[in-house]
N, C-alpha and C. Protein backbone atom coordinates (compact mmCIF):
# COMPACT_ATOMS: atom_id res chain seq x y z
N UNK A 1 91.47 120.63 90.91
CA UNK A 1 92.82 120.30 89.60
C UNK A 1 93.00 119.18 89.57
N UNK A 2 93.28 118.40 88.57
CA UNK A 2 93.53 117.49 87.99
C UNK A 2 95.00 116.70 87.79
N UNK A 3 95.00 116.00 88.37
CA UNK A 3 96.67 114.68 88.73
C UNK A 3 96.67 114.01 88.04
N UNK A 4 97.72 113.75 87.54
CA UNK A 4 98.17 112.66 86.70
C UNK A 4 98.75 111.26 87.35
N UNK A 5 98.19 110.31 87.69
CA UNK A 5 98.78 108.96 88.05
C UNK A 5 99.13 108.23 87.57
N UNK A 6 100.16 107.27 88.25
CA UNK A 6 100.50 105.99 87.46
C UNK A 6 100.70 104.64 88.26
N UNK A 7 100.13 104.12 87.90
CA UNK A 7 99.76 102.58 88.60
C UNK A 7 100.94 101.69 87.71
N UNK A 8 101.80 101.16 88.35
CA UNK A 8 102.53 99.45 87.61
C UNK A 8 102.39 98.55 88.71
N UNK A 9 101.99 97.53 88.08
CA UNK A 9 101.93 96.39 88.55
C UNK A 9 103.18 95.21 88.30
N UNK A 10 103.99 94.59 88.92
CA UNK A 10 105.10 93.93 88.31
C UNK A 10 105.58 93.20 89.36
N UNK A 11 106.13 92.23 88.99
CA UNK A 11 106.89 91.08 89.63
C UNK A 11 107.62 91.47 90.99
N UNK A 12 107.47 90.59 92.00
CA UNK A 12 108.64 91.47 92.92
C UNK A 12 108.97 90.01 93.51
N UNK A 13 109.98 89.59 94.64
CA UNK A 13 110.35 88.39 94.74
C UNK A 13 109.19 88.34 96.18
N UNK A 14 108.74 86.90 95.66
CA UNK A 14 107.67 86.12 96.68
C UNK A 14 106.30 86.73 96.08
N UNK A 15 106.09 87.30 95.15
CA UNK A 15 104.79 88.14 94.87
C UNK A 15 104.82 89.01 93.80
N UNK A 16 103.96 89.96 93.92
CA UNK A 16 103.60 90.61 92.94
C UNK A 16 103.16 92.18 93.96
N UNK A 17 103.98 92.96 93.15
CA UNK A 17 103.76 94.87 93.70
C UNK A 17 103.14 95.73 92.89
N UNK A 18 101.57 96.59 93.65
CA UNK A 18 101.22 97.40 92.94
C UNK A 18 101.66 98.89 93.78
N UNK A 19 102.59 99.64 92.47
CA UNK A 19 102.91 100.74 93.22
C UNK A 19 102.13 102.13 92.03
N UNK A 20 102.18 103.06 93.04
CA UNK A 20 101.06 104.32 92.33
C UNK A 20 101.96 105.55 93.40
N UNK A 21 101.97 106.43 92.50
CA UNK A 21 102.40 107.36 93.05
C UNK A 21 101.40 108.07 94.15
N UNK A 22 100.16 107.33 94.04
CA UNK A 22 98.98 108.17 94.96
C UNK A 22 99.25 107.72 96.47
N UNK A 23 99.82 106.35 96.78
CA UNK A 23 100.00 105.93 97.74
C UNK A 23 101.31 105.87 98.33
N UNK A 24 101.55 105.98 99.55
CA UNK A 24 103.02 106.16 100.17
C UNK A 24 104.13 104.78 99.96
N UNK A 25 103.70 103.75 99.74
CA UNK A 25 103.96 102.31 99.71
C UNK A 25 103.69 101.40 99.09
N UNK A 26 104.33 101.11 97.83
CA UNK A 26 103.74 99.59 97.15
C UNK A 26 102.82 98.93 97.92
N UNK A 27 101.65 98.10 97.34
CA UNK A 27 101.11 97.07 97.79
C UNK A 27 101.57 96.11 97.55
N UNK A 28 101.42 94.65 98.26
CA UNK A 28 102.07 93.46 98.05
C UNK A 28 100.98 92.53 97.77
N UNK A 29 101.02 91.45 97.11
CA UNK A 29 100.42 90.53 96.70
C UNK A 29 100.75 89.48 96.25
N UNK A 30 99.96 87.84 96.61
CA UNK A 30 100.62 86.86 96.47
C UNK A 30 100.28 86.28 94.84
N UNK A 31 99.33 87.50 94.13
CA UNK A 31 98.65 86.63 93.18
C UNK A 31 98.72 88.22 92.20
N UNK A 32 99.58 87.62 91.01
CA UNK A 32 99.44 88.66 90.17
C UNK A 32 97.71 89.33 89.89
N UNK A 33 96.82 88.21 89.69
CA UNK A 33 95.42 88.77 89.23
C UNK A 33 95.05 89.77 90.20
N UNK A 34 95.07 89.50 91.72
CA UNK A 34 94.64 89.93 92.48
C UNK A 34 95.21 91.62 92.60
N UNK A 35 96.85 91.12 92.27
CA UNK A 35 97.11 92.73 92.02
C UNK A 35 96.31 93.85 91.32
N UNK A 36 96.60 92.81 89.86
CA UNK A 36 95.82 94.19 88.98
C UNK A 36 94.47 94.32 88.99
N UNK A 37 93.77 93.65 89.74
CA UNK A 37 92.40 93.89 90.49
C UNK A 37 92.21 94.77 91.08
N UNK A 38 93.03 94.89 92.05
CA UNK A 38 93.46 95.96 93.13
C UNK A 38 93.68 97.39 92.24
N UNK A 39 94.43 97.17 91.44
CA UNK A 39 94.83 98.56 90.50
C UNK A 39 94.15 98.88 89.57
N UNK A 40 93.10 97.87 89.36
CA UNK A 40 91.97 98.59 88.27
C UNK A 40 91.14 99.45 89.06
N UNK A 41 90.80 98.78 90.21
CA UNK A 41 89.82 99.27 91.25
C UNK A 41 90.26 100.68 91.60
N UNK A 42 92.04 101.15 92.25
CA UNK A 42 92.69 102.41 92.45
C UNK A 42 92.18 103.19 91.50
N UNK A 43 92.83 102.38 90.09
CA UNK A 43 92.33 103.60 89.07
C UNK A 43 91.13 104.32 88.57
N UNK A 44 89.84 103.35 88.94
CA UNK A 44 88.60 103.65 89.13
C UNK A 44 88.30 104.43 89.55
N UNK A 45 88.80 104.29 91.04
CA UNK A 45 88.53 105.61 91.86
C UNK A 45 89.09 106.68 92.23
N UNK A 46 90.30 106.87 91.46
CA UNK A 46 91.12 108.10 91.07
C UNK A 46 90.44 108.79 90.31
N UNK A 47 89.92 108.15 88.84
CA UNK A 47 89.47 108.95 87.91
C UNK A 47 88.31 109.45 88.05
N UNK A 48 87.31 108.49 89.09
CA UNK A 48 86.13 109.25 89.62
C UNK A 48 86.36 110.27 90.24
N UNK A 49 87.02 110.85 91.33
CA UNK A 49 87.98 111.78 91.75
C UNK A 49 88.25 112.87 91.13
N UNK A 50 88.59 112.85 89.75
CA UNK A 50 89.14 113.30 88.95
C UNK A 50 90.27 113.87 88.51
N UNK A 51 91.00 112.50 88.44
CA UNK A 51 92.34 112.56 88.28
C UNK A 51 92.29 111.47 86.67
N UNK A 52 93.45 112.03 86.32
CA UNK A 52 93.90 111.17 85.12
C UNK A 52 94.75 109.92 85.41
N UNK A 53 94.44 108.61 84.96
CA UNK A 53 95.58 107.52 85.48
C UNK A 53 96.26 106.59 84.49
N UNK A 54 97.16 106.56 84.38
CA UNK A 54 97.85 105.36 83.31
C UNK A 54 98.38 104.37 84.21
N UNK A 55 97.63 102.82 84.00
CA UNK A 55 97.63 101.53 84.20
C UNK A 55 98.61 101.08 83.76
N UNK A 56 100.00 100.55 84.19
CA UNK A 56 100.90 99.67 83.34
C UNK A 56 101.19 98.04 83.93
N UNK A 57 100.84 97.11 83.53
CA UNK A 57 101.17 95.53 83.74
C UNK A 57 102.56 95.17 83.29
N UNK A 58 102.96 94.33 84.06
CA UNK A 58 104.24 93.72 83.63
C UNK A 58 103.82 92.38 83.90
N UNK A 59 104.76 91.30 83.14
CA UNK A 59 104.65 89.99 83.35
C UNK A 59 105.78 89.85 84.40
N UNK A 60 105.87 88.27 84.62
CA UNK A 60 107.21 87.98 85.37
C UNK A 60 108.49 88.48 84.67
N UNK A 61 108.60 88.55 83.48
CA UNK A 61 109.82 88.73 82.78
C UNK A 61 109.79 90.35 82.81
N UNK A 62 108.97 91.42 83.15
CA UNK A 62 108.85 92.63 83.31
C UNK A 62 108.47 93.24 82.12
N UNK A 63 107.96 92.46 81.12
CA UNK A 63 107.37 92.81 79.98
C UNK A 63 106.29 93.47 80.11
N UNK A 64 105.86 94.27 79.56
CA UNK A 64 104.49 95.07 79.46
C UNK A 64 103.58 94.44 78.90
N UNK A 65 102.71 93.96 79.57
CA UNK A 65 101.79 92.73 78.99
C UNK A 65 100.25 93.80 78.97
N UNK A 66 100.10 94.77 79.52
CA UNK A 66 98.86 95.78 79.54
C UNK A 66 99.10 97.24 79.99
N UNK A 67 98.36 97.83 79.05
CA UNK A 67 98.51 99.50 79.14
C UNK A 67 96.95 100.13 79.14
N UNK A 68 96.43 100.92 80.57
CA UNK A 68 94.82 101.55 80.01
C UNK A 68 95.20 102.69 80.61
N UNK A 69 94.41 103.76 80.13
CA UNK A 69 94.13 104.70 80.45
C UNK A 69 92.89 105.37 81.13
N UNK A 70 92.75 105.72 82.28
CA UNK A 70 91.50 106.22 82.69
C UNK A 70 91.46 107.75 82.96
N UNK A 71 90.32 108.21 82.11
CA UNK A 71 90.34 109.68 82.19
C UNK A 71 89.45 110.15 83.12
N UNK A 72 90.21 111.09 83.61
CA UNK A 72 89.64 112.02 84.80
C UNK A 72 88.14 112.20 84.69
N UNK A 73 87.13 111.99 85.55
CA UNK A 73 85.78 111.92 85.10
C UNK A 73 85.10 113.20 85.64
N UNK A 74 84.78 114.51 85.10
CA UNK A 74 84.14 115.60 85.70
C UNK A 74 83.41 115.32 87.11
N UNK A 75 83.45 116.43 87.79
CA UNK A 75 82.76 116.53 88.87
C UNK A 75 81.94 117.73 88.82
N UNK A 76 80.67 117.37 88.54
CA UNK A 76 79.63 118.05 88.32
C UNK A 76 78.60 117.98 89.53
N UNK A 77 78.29 119.29 90.20
CA UNK A 77 77.69 119.36 91.21
C UNK A 77 76.25 119.97 90.93
N UNK A 78 75.38 119.73 91.16
CA UNK A 78 73.84 119.97 90.78
C UNK A 78 73.46 121.15 91.94
N UNK A 79 73.37 122.44 92.38
CA UNK A 79 72.86 123.14 93.51
C UNK A 79 71.05 122.53 93.54
N UNK A 80 71.15 122.39 94.66
CA UNK A 80 69.42 122.28 94.96
C UNK A 80 68.94 123.44 95.95
N UNK A 81 67.81 123.78 95.93
CA UNK A 81 67.21 124.54 96.90
C UNK A 81 66.12 125.11 96.91
């Protein structure tokens, strides 16, 4: 079954947060670039696992500066025998 996940990267006091409904708690980073890189890696892994993902990146003023969608990749298994 395909799930739809949302990942949001945005500023928090003292750094940047990566928030995703696929994980229990936000991940915190000192660098926005590092938070975004982790968000892209997570989005890729979720799509490879068969889930759709929307990634939203906000700047320090909380304005959306990036939006990417990662489509679920099909999980086809070949039977060997």
